[in-house]
Amino acid sequence: MNELDKSVVICRCEEVSYEEIEEVIRLGARTFDDIKRLTRCGMGACQAKICNFLVANIIHEELGKPLQEIPLPRMRMPISPIKLETLSTNSKDFSTVKSVLDEVEVKDGEVG
């Protein structure tokens, strides 16, 4: 990966460049989660599905850490997307993630 231009965007969702990741590693970041906290890398719409491997490779190259020893980034709920319809109606037609509306009682258009 060293042949990449330092301005190459690694995380497209948050527009984090190779150079920015390299810099936070120099400042002490050792894991994807460290890099995520300092740059927002992996916090965009894809939730690190696209940049995870690229960041792991940068960590591997900069720190000499074997790829299998680099932990995956921590995932936050919801792990799967929720349709807006589920959130805006009392729909119970979805899989594992519950709607916030399932815990709210609504009578005559008012939350009770």
C-alpha atoms as a PDB file:
ATOM      1  CA  MET A   1       0.000   0.000   0.000  1.00  0.00           C
ATOM      2  CA  ASN A   2       3.017   2.310   0.276  1.00  0.00           C
ATOM      3  CA  GLU A   3       2.702   3.121  -3.411  1.00  0.00           C
ATOM      4  CA  LEU A   4      -0.572   4.975  -2.732  1.00  0.00           C
ATOM      5  CA  ASP A   5      -0.593   8.739  -2.787  1.00  0.00           C
ATOM      6  CA  LYS A   6      -0.981  10.051   0.773  1.00  0.00           C
ATOM      7  CA  SER A   7      -4.055  12.033  -0.283  1.00  0.00           C
ATOM      8  CA  VAL A   8      -5.976   8.878  -1.310  1.00  0.00           C
ATOM      9  CA  VAL A   9      -9.298   8.719   0.531  1.00  0.00           C
ATOM     10  CA  ILE A  10      -9.473   5.469   2.528  1.00  0.00           C
ATOM     11  CA  CYS A  11     -12.853   6.059   4.203  1.00  0.00           C
ATOM     12  CA  ARG A  12     -15.151   7.434   1.510  1.00  0.00           C
ATOM     13  CA  CYS A  13     -18.089   7.981   3.858  1.00  0.00           C
ATOM     14  CA  GLU A  14     -16.149  10.285   6.199  1.00  0.00           C
ATOM     15  CA  GLU A  15     -13.505  11.390   3.654  1.00  0.00           C
ATOM     16  CA  VAL A  16     -10.519  10.250   5.744  1.00  0.00           C
ATOM     17  CA  SER A  17      -7.250  10.084   3.808  1.00  0.00           C
ATOM     18  CA  TYR A  18      -4.315   7.690   4.025  1.00  0.00           C
ATOM     19  CA  GLU A  19      -2.234  10.554   5.398  1.00  0.00           C
ATOM     20  CA  GLU A  20      -4.696  11.243   8.240  1.00  0.00           C
ATOM     21  CA  ILE A  21      -4.696   7.579   9.279  1.00  0.00           C
ATOM     22  CA  GLU A  22      -0.916   7.430   9.087  1.00  0.00           C
ATOM     23  CA  GLU A  23      -0.686  10.550  11.275  1.00  0.00           C
ATOM     24  CA  VAL A  24      -2.940   9.238  14.065  1.00  0.00           C
ATOM     25  CA  ILE A  25      -0.936   6.006  14.109  1.00  0.00           C
ATOM     26  CA  ARG A  26       2.175   8.135  14.626  1.00  0.00           C
ATOM     27  CA  LEU A  27       0.323   9.864  17.481  1.00  0.00           C
ATOM     28  CA  GLY A  28      -0.392   6.538  19.212  1.00  0.00           C
ATOM     29  CA  ALA A  29      -3.436   4.898  17.583  1.00  0.00           C
ATOM     30  CA  ARG A  30      -2.971   1.108  17.562  1.00  0.00           C
ATOM     31  CA  THR A  31      -6.367  -0.304  16.552  1.00  0.00           C
ATOM     32  CA  PHE A  32      -9.163   0.494  14.130  1.00  0.00           C
ATOM     33  CA  ASP A  33     -11.234   1.753  17.071  1.00  0.00           C
ATOM     34  CA  ASP A  34      -8.418   4.164  18.065  1.00  0.00           C
ATOM     35  CA  ILE A  35      -8.341   5.478  14.491  1.00  0.00           C
ATOM     36  CA  LYS A  36     -12.142   5.661  14.438  1.00  0.00           C
ATOM     37  CA  ARG A  37     -12.245   7.790  17.608  1.00  0.00           C
ATOM     38  CA  LEU A  38      -9.642  10.214  16.291  1.00  0.00           C
ATOM     39  CA  THR A  39     -10.742  10.556  12.655  1.00  0.00           C
ATOM     40  CA  ARG A  40     -14.363   9.271  12.372  1.00  0.00           C
ATOM     41  CA  CYS A  41     -13.043   6.668   9.903  1.00  0.00           C
ATOM     42  CA  GLY A  42     -15.618   3.856   9.737  1.00  0.00           C
ATOM     43  CA  MET A  43     -18.448   5.908  11.245  1.00  0.00           C
ATOM     44  CA  GLY A  44     -20.206   6.692   7.986  1.00  0.00           C
ATOM     45  CA  ALA A  45     -23.075   5.015   6.198  1.00  0.00           C
ATOM     46  CA  CYS A  46     -21.204   1.790   5.411  1.00  0.00           C
ATOM     47  CA  GLN A  47     -20.055   1.353   9.039  1.00  0.00           C
ATOM     48  CA  ALA A  48     -16.502   0.334   7.966  1.00  0.00           C
ATOM     49  CA  LYS A  49     -17.621  -2.323   5.511  1.00  0.00           C
ATOM     50  CA  ILE A  50     -15.532  -0.690   2.779  1.00  0.00           C
ATOM     51  CA  CYS A  51     -12.554   0.777   4.678  1.00  0.00           C
ATOM     52  CA  ASN A  52     -12.003  -1.939   7.304  1.00  0.00           C
ATOM     53  CA  PHE A  53      -9.558  -3.972   5.213  1.00  0.00           C
ATOM     54  CA  LEU A  54      -7.707  -0.881   3.970  1.00  0.00           C
ATOM     55  CA  VAL A  55      -7.238   0.461   7.506  1.00  0.00           C
ATOM     56  CA  ALA A  56      -6.098  -2.959   8.740  1.00  0.00           C
ATOM     57  CA  ASN A  57      -3.467  -2.983   5.985  1.00  0.00           C
ATOM     58  CA  ILE A  58      -2.246   0.478   6.974  1.00  0.00           C
ATOM     59  CA  ILE A  59      -1.964  -0.637  10.627  1.00  0.00           C
ATOM     60  CA  HIS A  60      -0.109  -3.752   9.464  1.00  0.00           C
ATOM     61  CA  GLU A  61       2.354  -1.733   7.389  1.00  0.00           C
ATOM     62  CA  GLU A  62       2.920   1.057   9.899  1.00  0.00           C
ATOM     63  CA  LEU A  63       3.205  -1.081  13.042  1.00  0.00           C
ATOM     64  CA  GLY A  64       4.352  -4.406  11.595  1.00  0.00           C
ATOM     65  CA  LYS A  65       1.432  -6.106  13.344  1.00  0.00           C
ATOM     66  CA  PRO A  66       0.219  -9.347  11.688  1.00  0.00           C
ATOM     67  CA  LEU A  67      -3.201  -8.883  10.025  1.00  0.00           C
ATOM     68  CA  GLN A  68      -4.760 -11.730  12.057  1.00  0.00           C
ATOM     69  CA  GLU A  69      -3.855  -9.874  15.288  1.00  0.00           C
ATOM     70  CA  ILE A  70      -5.616  -6.656  14.258  1.00  0.00           C
ATOM     71  CA  PRO A  71      -9.083  -6.702  15.867  1.00  0.00           C
ATOM     72  CA  LEU A  72     -12.181  -5.827  13.872  1.00  0.00           C
ATOM     73  CA  PRO A  73     -13.786  -2.482  14.672  1.00  0.00           C
ATOM     74  CA  ARG A  74     -16.467  -2.484  17.354  1.00  0.00           C
ATOM     75  CA  MET A  75     -19.952  -2.566  15.846  1.00  0.00           C
ATOM     76  CA  ARG A  76     -22.800  -0.518  17.304  1.00  0.00           C
ATOM     77  CA  MET A  77     -26.533  -1.121  17.090  1.00  0.00           C
ATOM     78  CA  PRO A  78     -28.371  -1.204  14.806  1.00  0.00           C
ATOM     79  CA  ILE A  79     -26.240  -3.783  13.078  1.00  0.00           C
ATOM     80  CA  SER A  80     -28.830  -4.119  10.336  1.00  0.00           C
ATOM     81  CA  PRO A  81     -30.719  -1.176   8.852  1.00  0.00           C
ATOM     82  CA  ILE A  82     -34.224  -0.283   9.995  1.00  0.00           C
ATOM     83  CA  LYS A  83     -36.717   0.915   7.399  1.00  0.00           C
ATOM     84  CA  LEU A  84     -38.147   4.382   7.965  1.00  0.00           C
ATOM     85  CA  GLU A  85     -41.586   2.806   7.617  1.00  0.00           C
ATOM     86  CA  THR A  86     -40.864   0.741  10.733  1.00  0.00           C
ATOM     87  CA  LEU A  87     -39.910   3.834  12.692  1.00  0.00           C
ATOM     88  CA  SER A  88     -42.802   5.956  11.435  1.00  0.00           C
ATOM     89  CA  THR A  89     -45.594   3.402  11.853  1.00  0.00           C
ATOM     90  CA  ASN A  90     -46.508   0.736  14.322  1.00  0.00           C
ATOM     91  CA  SER A  91     -45.212  -1.896  11.882  1.00  0.00           C
ATOM     92  CA  LYS A  92     -43.934  -5.074  13.441  1.00  0.00           C
ATOM     93  CA  ASP A  93     -42.841  -6.527  10.087  1.00  0.00           C
ATOM     94  CA  PHE A  94     -39.077  -6.622  10.561  1.00  0.00           C
ATOM     95  CA  SER A  95     -36.515  -9.120  11.761  1.00  0.00           C
ATOM     96  CA  THR A  96     -34.220  -8.832  14.772  1.00  0.00           C
ATOM     97  CA  VAL A  97     -34.171  -5.091  15.513  1.00  0.00           C
ATOM     98  CA  LYS A  98     -37.146  -3.754  17.451  1.00  0.00           C
ATOM     99  CA  SER A  99     -38.721  -0.436  16.623  1.00  0.00           C
ATOM    100  CA  VAL A 100     -38.628   2.288  19.264  1.00  0.00           C
ATOM    101  CA  LEU A 101     -42.368   2.562  18.692  1.00  0.00           C
ATOM    102  CA  ASP A 102     -42.873  -0.928  20.139  1.00  0.00           C
ATOM    103  CA  GLU A 103     -42.157   0.534  23.579  1.00  0.00           C
ATOM    104  CA  VAL A 104     -44.300   3.661  23.189  1.00  0.00           C
ATOM    105  CA  GLU A 105     -48.042   3.758  23.708  1.00  0.00           C
ATOM    106  CA  VAL A 106     -49.861   6.038  21.242  1.00  0.00           C
ATOM    107  CA  LYS A 107     -53.540   6.958  21.710  1.00  0.00           C
ATOM    108  CA  ASP A 108     -55.358   9.358  19.410  1.00  0.00           C
ATOM    109  CA  GLY A 109     -52.070  10.535  17.923  1.00  0.00           C
ATOM    110  CA  GLU A 110     -50.531  11.390  21.304  1.00  0.00           C
ATOM    111  CA  VAL A 111     -47.705   9.581  23.063  1.00  0.00           C
ATOM    112  CA  GLY A 112     -48.846   8.296  26.435  1.00  0.00           C
END
